[in-house]
N, C-alpha and C. Protein backbone atom coordinates (compact mmCIF):
# COMPACT_ATOMS: atom_id res chain seq x y z
N MET A 1 141.49 68.52 -66.68
CA MET A 1 140.39 67.45 -66.43
C MET A 1 140.72 66.24 -65.54
N ARG A 2 141.89 65.88 -66.54
CA ARG A 2 142.34 64.13 -65.65
C ARG A 2 142.61 64.09 -63.90
N ILE A 3 143.46 65.64 -63.48
CA ILE A 3 143.75 65.90 -62.45
C ILE A 3 142.96 65.98 -61.60
N PHE A 4 141.83 66.95 -62.19
CA PHE A 4 140.00 66.74 -61.24
C PHE A 4 139.55 65.80 -60.65
N ILE A 5 139.10 64.54 -62.29
CA ILE A 5 138.68 63.44 -62.22
C ILE A 5 139.67 62.63 -60.85
N GLY A 6 140.43 61.97 -61.31
CA GLY A 6 141.91 62.17 -60.12
C GLY A 6 141.90 62.12 -58.54
N ALA A 7 141.30 63.88 -58.86
CA ALA A 7 141.66 64.02 -57.22
C ALA A 7 140.13 63.47 -56.54
N VAL A 8 138.79 63.52 -57.29
CA VAL A 8 137.60 63.65 -56.91
C VAL A 8 137.26 62.17 -57.20
N LEU A 9 137.98 61.29 -58.03
CA LEU A 9 138.27 59.41 -57.29
C LEU A 9 138.60 59.30 -56.22
N ALA A 10 139.76 59.90 -55.87
CA ALA A 10 140.59 59.94 -54.72
C ALA A 10 139.97 60.69 -53.10
N CYS A 11 139.55 61.97 -53.52
CA CYS A 11 138.61 62.06 -52.68
C CYS A 11 137.39 60.57 -51.67
N LEU A 12 136.87 60.85 -52.97
CA LEU A 12 135.52 59.84 -52.65
C LEU A 12 136.09 58.33 -52.08
N ALA A 13 136.90 58.22 -52.44
CA ALA A 13 137.50 57.12 -51.83
C ALA A 13 138.11 57.07 -50.24
N PHE A 14 138.40 58.32 -49.72
CA PHE A 14 139.06 58.41 -48.61
C PHE A 14 138.25 59.06 -47.89
N GLY A 15 136.87 59.82 -48.51
CA GLY A 15 136.34 61.11 -47.68
C GLY A 15 136.91 62.16 -46.97
N ALA A 16 137.59 62.49 -48.25
CA ALA A 16 138.66 64.14 -47.26
C ALA A 16 137.95 65.01 -48.18
N TRP A 17 137.29 65.14 -47.85
CA TRP A 17 136.03 66.87 -48.33
C TRP A 17 136.49 67.72 -46.94
N ALA A 18 137.35 69.07 -47.75
CA ALA A 18 136.75 70.17 -46.68
C ALA A 18 135.79 70.64 -46.53
N GLU A 19 135.15 70.78 -47.62
CA GLU A 19 133.95 71.48 -47.41
C GLU A 19 133.17 70.27 -47.72
N PRO A 20 131.97 70.39 -47.29
CA PRO A 20 130.75 68.72 -47.95
C PRO A 20 130.48 69.35 -49.18
N ALA A 21 130.12 68.07 -49.33
CA ALA A 21 130.07 68.32 -50.51
C ALA A 21 129.01 67.19 -51.16
N ASP A 22 128.06 66.75 -51.86
CA ASP A 22 126.67 66.09 -52.53
C ASP A 22 127.44 64.76 -53.42
N PRO A 23 127.85 64.16 -52.33
CA PRO A 23 128.27 62.33 -52.83
C PRO A 23 127.77 62.15 -54.40
N ALA A 24 126.14 62.33 -53.95
CA ALA A 24 125.04 61.82 -56.02
C ALA A 24 126.18 62.60 -56.51
N LYS A 25 125.83 63.67 -56.16
CA LYS A 25 126.38 64.75 -57.38
C LYS A 25 127.82 64.61 -58.23
N LEU A 26 128.49 64.69 -57.10
CA LEU A 26 129.36 63.94 -57.73
C LEU A 26 130.06 62.36 -58.69
N LYS A 27 128.69 61.62 -58.12
CA LYS A 27 128.90 60.24 -58.68
C LYS A 27 128.46 60.52 -59.46
N THR A 28 127.41 61.05 -60.27
CA THR A 28 127.13 61.51 -60.95
C THR A 28 128.05 62.29 -62.61
N GLN A 29 128.77 63.42 -62.19
CA GLN A 29 129.51 63.70 -62.59
C GLN A 29 130.64 63.23 -63.02
N LEU A 30 130.46 62.41 -62.19
CA LEU A 30 132.37 61.23 -62.36
C LEU A 30 131.43 60.31 -63.94
N GLN A 31 130.81 59.71 -63.02
CA GLN A 31 129.90 58.46 -64.64
C GLN A 31 129.64 59.35 -65.94
N ASP A 32 129.31 60.65 -65.86
CA ASP A 32 128.81 61.42 -67.14
C ASP A 32 130.53 61.63 -67.53
N TYR A 33 131.93 62.22 -67.15
CA TYR A 33 133.09 61.96 -67.62
C TYR A 33 133.46 60.52 -68.10
N TYR A 34 133.21 59.82 -67.70
CA TYR A 34 133.68 57.77 -67.57
C TYR A 34 132.88 57.61 -69.03
N PHE A 35 131.42 57.98 -68.96
CA PHE A 35 130.82 57.47 -70.47
C PHE A 35 131.26 58.19 -71.37
N ASP A 36 131.22 59.90 -71.49
CA ASP A 36 131.79 60.36 -72.00
C ASP A 36 132.90 60.31 -72.67
N ALA A 37 133.95 59.80 -72.47
CA ALA A 37 135.78 59.05 -72.12
C ALA A 37 135.50 57.89 -73.52
N ALA A 38 134.42 56.88 -73.02
CA ALA A 38 133.71 55.78 -73.61
C ALA A 38 133.43 56.31 -75.13
N ARG A 39 132.88 57.59 -75.01
CA ARG A 39 132.40 57.10 -76.78
C ARG A 39 133.14 57.99 -77.37
N ARG A 40 134.38 58.49 -76.45
CA ARG A 40 135.16 59.61 -77.74
C ARG A 40 136.67 59.51 -77.51
N GLY A 41 136.24 57.73 -77.06
CA GLY A 41 137.81 56.76 -77.21
C GLY A 41 139.18 57.59 -76.60
N ASP A 42 138.39 58.49 -75.43
CA ASP A 42 139.99 58.88 -74.41
C ASP A 42 140.53 58.31 -73.60
N LEU A 43 141.33 57.47 -73.62
CA LEU A 43 142.12 56.60 -73.85
C LEU A 43 143.38 56.79 -72.14
N ASP A 44 143.95 58.52 -72.06
CA ASP A 44 144.30 59.19 -71.47
C ASP A 44 143.45 59.10 -70.33
N MET A 45 141.81 59.72 -69.78
CA MET A 45 140.15 59.55 -68.79
C MET A 45 140.66 58.42 -68.45
N LEU A 46 140.70 57.04 -69.47
CA LEU A 46 139.95 55.54 -68.76
C LEU A 46 141.31 55.57 -68.03
N ASN A 47 142.31 55.65 -68.25
CA ASN A 47 142.91 55.18 -67.68
C ASN A 47 143.47 56.32 -66.23
N THR A 48 143.00 57.35 -66.04
CA THR A 48 142.87 58.05 -65.00
C THR A 48 141.76 56.94 -64.17
N PHE A 49 140.68 57.34 -64.72
CA PHE A 49 139.18 55.80 -63.97
C PHE A 49 140.15 54.33 -63.27
N ILE A 50 141.05 53.80 -64.52
CA ILE A 50 140.99 52.88 -64.38
C ILE A 50 142.62 52.67 -62.95
N ASP A 51 143.66 53.44 -62.35
CA ASP A 51 144.68 53.87 -62.18
C ASP A 51 143.97 54.30 -59.83
N SER A 52 142.45 54.39 -60.54
CA SER A 52 141.81 54.72 -59.38
C SER A 52 140.61 54.08 -58.70
N GLY A 53 141.06 52.78 -59.64
CA GLY A 53 140.02 52.35 -59.17
C GLY A 53 138.70 52.45 -59.05
N TYR A 54 137.91 52.70 -60.16
CA TYR A 54 136.89 52.82 -60.34
C TYR A 54 136.33 51.85 -61.13
N SER A 55 134.69 51.54 -61.00
CA SER A 55 134.56 50.48 -61.11
C SER A 55 134.15 50.65 -62.66
N LEU A 56 135.11 49.79 -63.29
CA LEU A 56 135.03 49.15 -65.22
C LEU A 56 133.35 49.07 -65.17
N ASN A 57 132.28 48.12 -64.61
CA ASN A 57 131.18 47.55 -65.47
C ASN A 57 130.30 48.24 -64.69
N THR A 58 131.01 49.83 -64.28
CA THR A 58 129.43 50.82 -64.06
C THR A 58 128.27 51.35 -64.57
N GLN A 59 127.49 51.27 -64.31
CA GLN A 59 125.74 50.86 -65.25
C GLN A 59 124.89 52.48 -65.31
N ASP A 60 124.50 53.93 -66.85
CA ASP A 60 124.38 54.28 -66.23
C ASP A 60 122.80 53.94 -66.47
N ASP A 61 121.79 54.76 -66.62
CA ASP A 61 120.30 55.09 -66.62
C ASP A 61 119.49 53.82 -67.41
N LYS A 62 120.32 53.52 -68.57
CA LYS A 62 119.90 53.20 -69.67
C LYS A 62 120.48 51.61 -69.55
N GLY A 63 121.82 51.57 -68.23
CA GLY A 63 122.02 50.15 -68.15
C GLY A 63 123.32 50.11 -69.26
N TYR A 64 124.04 51.14 -69.66
CA TYR A 64 124.99 50.68 -70.43
C TYR A 64 126.10 50.78 -69.27
N THR A 65 127.12 50.46 -70.01
CA THR A 65 128.56 50.52 -69.44
C THR A 65 129.48 51.27 -70.57
N ALA A 66 130.14 51.67 -69.84
CA ALA A 66 131.55 51.81 -70.76
C ALA A 66 131.74 51.14 -72.18
N LEU A 67 131.63 49.95 -71.64
CA LEU A 67 132.14 48.92 -73.18
C LEU A 67 131.61 48.94 -74.28
N ILE A 68 129.94 48.40 -73.43
CA ILE A 68 128.88 48.97 -74.19
C ILE A 68 128.72 49.85 -75.48
N LEU A 69 129.28 51.90 -74.79
CA LEU A 69 129.02 52.43 -75.37
C LEU A 69 130.47 52.00 -76.46
N ALA A 70 131.65 52.07 -75.72
CA ALA A 70 132.53 52.14 -76.58
C ALA A 70 132.55 50.94 -78.13
N ALA A 71 132.13 49.54 -77.76
CA ALA A 71 131.68 49.22 -78.55
C ALA A 71 130.86 49.47 -80.33
N TYR A 72 130.32 50.21 -79.64
CA TYR A 72 128.63 51.07 -80.58
C TYR A 72 129.13 52.22 -80.69
N HIS A 73 130.18 52.63 -80.53
CA HIS A 73 131.10 53.96 -81.12
C HIS A 73 132.43 53.76 -81.86
N GLY A 74 132.56 52.34 -82.07
CA GLY A 74 133.72 52.54 -82.97
C GLY A 74 135.11 52.60 -82.28
N GLN A 75 135.46 52.33 -81.02
CA GLN A 75 136.47 53.12 -80.03
C GLN A 75 136.98 51.46 -79.53
N GLY A 76 138.32 50.94 -80.99
CA GLY A 76 138.74 49.63 -80.73
C GLY A 76 139.84 49.91 -79.22
N PRO A 77 140.63 50.59 -79.26
CA PRO A 77 141.27 51.53 -78.76
C PRO A 77 140.81 50.97 -76.92
N PHE A 78 139.80 51.69 -77.08
CA PHE A 78 138.90 51.39 -75.40
C PHE A 78 138.22 50.36 -75.40
N VAL A 79 137.54 49.51 -76.07
CA VAL A 79 137.05 48.71 -75.71
C VAL A 79 138.42 47.68 -75.12
N GLU A 80 139.35 47.15 -76.10
CA GLU A 80 140.66 46.73 -75.78
C GLU A 80 140.83 46.82 -74.64
N ARG A 81 141.13 48.42 -74.51
CA ARG A 81 142.25 48.30 -73.14
C ARG A 81 141.10 48.16 -71.50
N LEU A 82 139.92 48.35 -71.93
CA LEU A 82 138.85 47.58 -71.13
C LEU A 82 138.71 46.80 -71.01
N LEU A 83 138.83 45.30 -71.47
CA LEU A 83 139.06 44.52 -71.82
C LEU A 83 140.06 44.01 -71.01
N ASN A 84 141.17 44.21 -71.60
CA ASN A 84 142.51 44.29 -70.62
C ASN A 84 142.84 44.02 -68.88
N ALA A 85 141.45 45.91 -68.14
CA ALA A 85 141.92 45.79 -67.74
C ALA A 85 140.46 45.59 -66.48
N GLY A 86 139.67 44.17 -67.28
CA GLY A 86 138.87 43.81 -66.63
C GLY A 86 137.19 43.83 -66.66
N ALA A 87 137.08 44.49 -67.52
CA ALA A 87 135.14 45.48 -67.60
C ALA A 87 134.90 43.59 -68.53
N ASP A 88 134.14 43.12 -67.85
CA ASP A 88 132.81 41.96 -68.10
C ASP A 88 131.91 42.63 -69.62
N ALA A 89 132.29 41.89 -70.35
CA ALA A 89 131.42 41.60 -71.55
C ALA A 89 130.31 41.23 -72.20
N CYS A 90 130.29 41.21 -71.33
CA CYS A 90 128.78 39.86 -71.01
C CYS A 90 127.71 40.76 -69.76
N VAL A 91 127.71 42.07 -69.45
CA VAL A 91 126.85 42.72 -68.20
C VAL A 91 126.35 43.38 -70.13
N GLN A 92 124.40 42.69 -69.82
CA GLN A 92 123.53 43.68 -70.37
C GLN A 92 123.03 45.00 -69.89
N ASP A 93 122.68 46.04 -70.50
CA ASP A 93 122.20 46.38 -70.29
C ASP A 93 120.66 46.55 -69.63
N LYS A 94 119.60 47.58 -69.94
CA LYS A 94 118.18 47.57 -69.62
C LYS A 94 117.43 46.68 -71.06
N ARG A 95 117.72 47.06 -71.79
CA ARG A 95 117.44 46.15 -72.70
C ARG A 95 117.70 44.57 -72.94
N GLY A 96 118.83 44.16 -72.28
CA GLY A 96 119.14 43.22 -72.68
C GLY A 96 120.39 42.57 -73.50
N ASN A 97 120.78 44.14 -74.31
CA ASN A 97 121.62 43.78 -75.18
C ASN A 97 123.06 44.05 -74.26
N THR A 98 124.47 43.67 -75.43
CA THR A 98 125.99 43.35 -74.98
C THR A 98 126.35 44.65 -75.78
N ALA A 99 128.25 43.99 -75.36
CA ALA A 99 128.63 45.35 -75.99
C ALA A 99 128.54 44.41 -77.96
N LEU A 100 128.94 43.48 -77.53
CA LEU A 100 128.82 42.56 -79.08
C LEU A 100 127.77 42.62 -79.62
N MET A 101 126.45 42.77 -79.20
CA MET A 101 125.22 43.30 -79.95
C MET A 101 125.42 44.41 -80.55
N GLY A 102 125.55 45.13 -79.91
CA GLY A 102 126.30 47.10 -80.08
C GLY A 102 127.30 46.79 -81.62
N ALA A 103 128.13 45.95 -81.35
CA ALA A 103 129.22 46.49 -82.18
C ALA A 103 128.27 45.81 -83.97
N ILE A 104 127.51 44.84 -83.44
CA ILE A 104 127.19 44.56 -84.65
C ILE A 104 126.58 44.81 -85.45
N PHE A 105 125.90 45.49 -84.16
CA PHE A 105 124.41 46.23 -84.84
C PHE A 105 125.26 47.58 -85.80
N LYS A 106 125.96 48.99 -85.19
CA LYS A 106 126.72 49.39 -85.95
C LYS A 106 127.95 48.86 -86.63
N GLY A 107 127.84 47.68 -87.07
CA GLY A 107 129.13 47.23 -88.25
C GLY A 107 130.59 47.65 -87.63
N GLU A 108 130.75 47.74 -86.66
CA GLU A 108 131.87 47.08 -85.94
C GLU A 108 132.74 45.98 -86.40
N LEU A 109 133.08 44.96 -87.38
CA LEU A 109 133.79 43.97 -86.84
C LEU A 109 134.28 43.62 -85.91
N LYS A 110 136.09 44.38 -86.43
CA LYS A 110 136.88 44.75 -85.84
C LYS A 110 136.61 44.30 -83.90
N ILE A 111 135.95 45.09 -83.37
CA ILE A 111 135.14 45.21 -82.37
C ILE A 111 134.51 44.30 -81.89
N ALA A 112 133.70 43.71 -82.99
CA ALA A 112 132.59 42.23 -83.07
C ALA A 112 133.27 41.06 -82.17
N LYS A 113 134.55 40.84 -83.32
CA LYS A 113 136.02 39.42 -83.17
C LYS A 113 136.67 39.87 -82.02
N ARG A 114 137.02 40.95 -81.56
CA ARG A 114 137.72 41.03 -80.38
C ARG A 114 136.45 40.44 -78.90
N LEU A 115 135.22 41.17 -79.13
CA LEU A 115 134.14 40.48 -78.39
C LEU A 115 133.96 39.54 -77.88
N LEU A 116 133.97 38.46 -79.05
CA LEU A 116 133.67 36.95 -79.43
C LEU A 116 134.88 36.54 -78.60
N ALA A 117 136.19 37.08 -78.59
CA ALA A 117 136.96 35.96 -77.38
C ALA A 117 136.81 36.98 -76.40
N THR A 118 136.04 36.80 -75.76
CA THR A 118 135.52 36.96 -74.34
C THR A 118 134.62 35.23 -74.01
N ASP A 119 134.48 35.15 -72.47
CA ASP A 119 133.95 34.11 -72.18
C ASP A 119 132.26 34.23 -71.99
N CYS A 120 131.64 34.83 -72.96
CA CYS A 120 130.36 35.14 -73.03
C CYS A 120 129.89 34.34 -73.68
N ASN A 121 128.74 34.11 -72.92
CA ASN A 121 127.60 32.69 -73.75
C ASN A 121 127.09 33.28 -75.00
N PRO A 122 127.84 32.73 -76.23
CA PRO A 122 127.50 32.92 -77.57
C PRO A 122 125.89 33.18 -77.56
N ASP A 123 125.08 32.34 -76.76
CA ASP A 123 123.35 32.78 -77.55
C ASP A 123 123.35 33.05 -76.40
N GLN A 124 123.74 34.41 -75.36
CA GLN A 124 123.18 35.81 -74.28
C GLN A 124 122.34 35.78 -75.07
N ARG A 125 120.95 35.97 -74.80
CA ARG A 125 119.90 36.65 -75.42
C ARG A 125 119.13 37.84 -75.12
N ASN A 126 118.97 39.07 -75.23
CA ASN A 126 118.25 40.34 -74.96
C ASN A 126 117.21 40.28 -74.52
N GLY A 127 116.28 40.97 -74.37
CA GLY A 127 114.79 41.40 -73.66
C GLY A 127 113.93 41.18 -74.58
N ALA A 128 114.49 41.00 -75.59
CA ALA A 128 113.61 40.19 -76.79
C ALA A 128 113.58 39.07 -77.37
N GLY A 129 114.39 38.29 -76.99
CA GLY A 129 115.20 37.19 -77.10
C GLY A 129 115.35 36.55 -78.22
N GLN A 130 116.55 37.79 -78.56
CA GLN A 130 117.32 37.71 -79.58
C GLN A 130 118.87 37.63 -79.60
N THR A 131 119.27 36.75 -80.38
CA THR A 131 120.95 36.85 -79.79
C THR A 131 121.72 37.16 -80.86
N ALA A 132 123.31 37.44 -80.40
CA ALA A 132 124.40 38.05 -81.21
C ALA A 132 124.27 36.95 -82.59
N ALA A 133 123.70 36.08 -82.75
CA ALA A 133 123.70 35.31 -83.90
C ALA A 133 122.95 36.19 -84.96
N MET A 134 121.79 36.67 -84.20
CA MET A 134 120.16 37.17 -85.03
C MET A 134 120.76 38.40 -85.87
N TYR A 135 121.38 39.38 -84.96
CA TYR A 135 121.99 40.55 -84.91
C TYR A 135 122.98 40.31 -86.08
N ALA A 136 123.69 39.30 -86.19
CA ALA A 136 124.36 39.66 -87.34
C ALA A 136 123.73 38.62 -88.61
N GLY A 137 122.73 37.73 -88.65
CA GLY A 137 122.02 37.54 -89.50
C GLY A 137 121.15 38.53 -89.78
N LEU A 138 120.42 40.00 -89.21
CA LEU A 138 119.67 40.94 -89.18
C LEU A 138 120.21 42.13 -90.37
N PHE A 139 121.53 42.03 -90.01
CA PHE A 139 121.86 43.14 -90.47
C PHE A 139 123.29 42.33 -91.33
N LYS A 140 123.41 42.30 -91.38
CA LYS A 140 124.41 41.41 -93.13
C LYS A 140 125.83 41.10 -92.71
N ARG A 141 125.67 40.22 -91.61
CA ARG A 141 126.89 40.78 -91.10
C ARG A 141 128.02 39.03 -91.50
N LEU A 142 127.58 38.48 -91.82
CA LEU A 142 127.45 37.15 -92.77
C LEU A 142 129.34 37.14 -91.95
N GLU A 143 129.77 37.48 -92.40
CA GLU A 143 131.49 37.14 -92.26
C GLU A 143 131.57 36.34 -90.63
N LEU A 144 130.88 37.22 -89.68
CA LEU A 144 130.86 36.75 -88.52
C LEU A 144 130.30 35.21 -87.79
N LEU A 145 129.23 35.35 -88.99
CA LEU A 145 128.05 34.55 -88.15
C LEU A 145 128.58 33.04 -87.85
N ASP A 146 129.86 32.73 -88.69
CA ASP A 146 130.91 31.24 -88.78
C ASP A 146 131.49 31.24 -87.46
N GLU A 147 132.24 32.36 -87.05
CA GLU A 147 132.86 32.49 -85.80
C GLU A 147 131.77 32.79 -84.64
N LEU A 148 131.10 32.92 -84.86
CA LEU A 148 129.68 32.62 -83.74
C LEU A 148 129.22 31.47 -83.59
N LYS A 149 128.88 30.93 -84.76
CA LYS A 149 128.42 28.98 -84.89
C LYS A 149 130.32 28.67 -84.69
N ALA A 150 131.51 29.04 -84.42
CA ALA A 150 132.42 28.23 -84.02
C ALA A 150 132.75 28.07 -82.39
N LYS A 151 131.80 29.53 -81.82
CA LYS A 151 132.25 29.53 -80.44
C LYS A 151 131.14 28.80 -79.86
N GLY A 152 130.08 27.81 -80.47
CA GLY A 152 129.17 27.59 -80.33
C GLY A 152 127.56 28.08 -80.40
N ALA A 153 127.63 29.10 -80.88
CA ALA A 153 125.77 29.66 -81.61
C ALA A 153 125.34 28.60 -81.75
N ASP A 154 124.05 28.61 -81.40
CA ASP A 154 122.90 27.80 -82.55
C ASP A 154 122.87 29.14 -83.01
N LEU A 155 123.24 29.40 -84.55
CA LEU A 155 122.49 29.50 -85.31
C LEU A 155 121.08 29.24 -85.92
N ASN A 156 120.08 28.26 -85.78
CA ASN A 156 118.96 28.44 -85.18
C ASN A 156 118.23 28.24 -84.54
N ALA A 157 118.69 28.58 -83.60
CA ALA A 157 117.65 29.44 -82.42
C ALA A 157 116.97 30.23 -82.59
N GLU A 158 115.62 30.13 -82.57
CA GLU A 158 114.59 31.52 -82.64
C GLU A 158 114.57 32.04 -81.34
N ASP A 159 114.15 33.28 -82.08
CA ASP A 159 113.30 34.59 -80.61
C ASP A 159 111.63 33.92 -80.27
N PRO A 160 111.47 34.46 -79.72
CA PRO A 160 109.51 34.79 -79.73
C PRO A 160 108.84 34.42 -81.20
N ILE A 161 109.43 35.01 -81.90
CA ILE A 161 108.39 35.08 -83.43
C ILE A 161 108.52 34.19 -84.62
N GLY A 162 109.40 33.67 -84.10
CA GLY A 162 110.49 32.68 -85.28
C GLY A 162 111.46 32.78 -86.16
N ASN A 163 112.38 33.95 -85.82
CA ASN A 163 113.45 34.56 -86.22
C ASN A 163 114.72 33.91 -85.96
N SER A 164 115.29 33.15 -86.67
CA SER A 164 116.57 32.39 -86.45
C SER A 164 118.24 33.40 -87.01
N ALA A 165 118.93 33.45 -86.75
CA ALA A 165 120.13 33.59 -87.57
C ALA A 165 120.36 33.46 -89.00
N SER A 166 119.72 32.12 -89.06
CA SER A 166 120.25 31.64 -90.64
C SER A 166 119.00 32.60 -91.45
N ARG A 167 117.78 32.50 -90.82
CA ARG A 167 116.73 32.92 -92.02
C ARG A 167 117.15 34.23 -92.13
N LEU A 168 116.87 34.89 -90.89
CA LEU A 168 117.51 36.08 -90.74
C LEU A 168 118.61 36.86 -92.11
N ALA A 169 119.91 36.00 -92.06
CA ALA A 169 121.11 35.45 -93.39
C ALA A 169 119.96 35.45 -94.73
N SER A 170 119.37 35.03 -94.82
CA SER A 170 118.81 34.93 -96.07
C SER A 170 118.02 35.57 -95.97
N GLY A 171 117.28 36.89 -95.70
CA GLY A 171 116.19 37.48 -96.07
C GLY A 171 114.26 37.10 -95.26
N GLU A 172 114.22 36.09 -94.96
CA GLU A 172 113.34 35.95 -93.77
C GLU A 172 113.45 36.69 -92.79
N ILE A 173 112.88 37.11 -92.91
CA ILE A 173 111.93 38.12 -91.00
C ILE A 173 110.77 37.94 -91.36
N ARG A 174 110.71 37.41 -89.64
CA ARG A 174 108.81 36.78 -89.67
C ARG A 174 109.21 38.62 -88.57
N THR A 175 107.15 39.05 -88.82
CA THR A 175 107.01 40.12 -87.66
C THR A 175 105.68 39.76 -86.85
N PRO A 176 106.06 40.66 -85.70
CA PRO A 176 104.61 39.57 -85.01
C PRO A 176 103.18 39.97 -85.52
N ALA A 177 102.16 38.90 -85.61
CA ALA A 177 100.42 38.84 -85.63
C ALA A 177 100.22 40.10 -85.60
N PRO A 178 98.92 40.49 -86.69
CA PRO A 178 99.01 41.91 -85.87
C PRO A 178 97.99 41.05 -84.87
N ARG A 179 96.97 42.26 -83.88
CA ARG A 179 96.65 42.38 -83.02
C ARG A 179 95.34 42.10 -83.15
């Protein structure tokens, strides 16, 4: 499989096909392999993509990157390799969530702490106006709140309905008013 992916990547890069191929189909197939490797934590496969110059910040139809998927699925060594190879931890999916938010949601604290060491804004918001600190408060990942605060996160920042990381951590959850 690794040889096949390497050959496809090389052919796409150089346009050297002996017979006509559907580039869109090949691109989709490569993305599927890439994202599957992220979910499984297949470092050999990842290294093939990195060695071939594949764009590490490629996004699927939901906006997920390999880093978001690896963080969400608890693939710490894969996350580390992606970050060391230059993947952008600040990329947001179509809902505005980041790899850090996914790691916090899933309780992948070691991965979350690693992602906190990147240069992302600690108050980066998703489409619902929530921050990583709000996720940490809501999902009771209280050990991360001090680290987020040390990085500059505003634990009193509020989402559009008035929830803050501090309120959520204390169990005070505001819900939208009925219409």
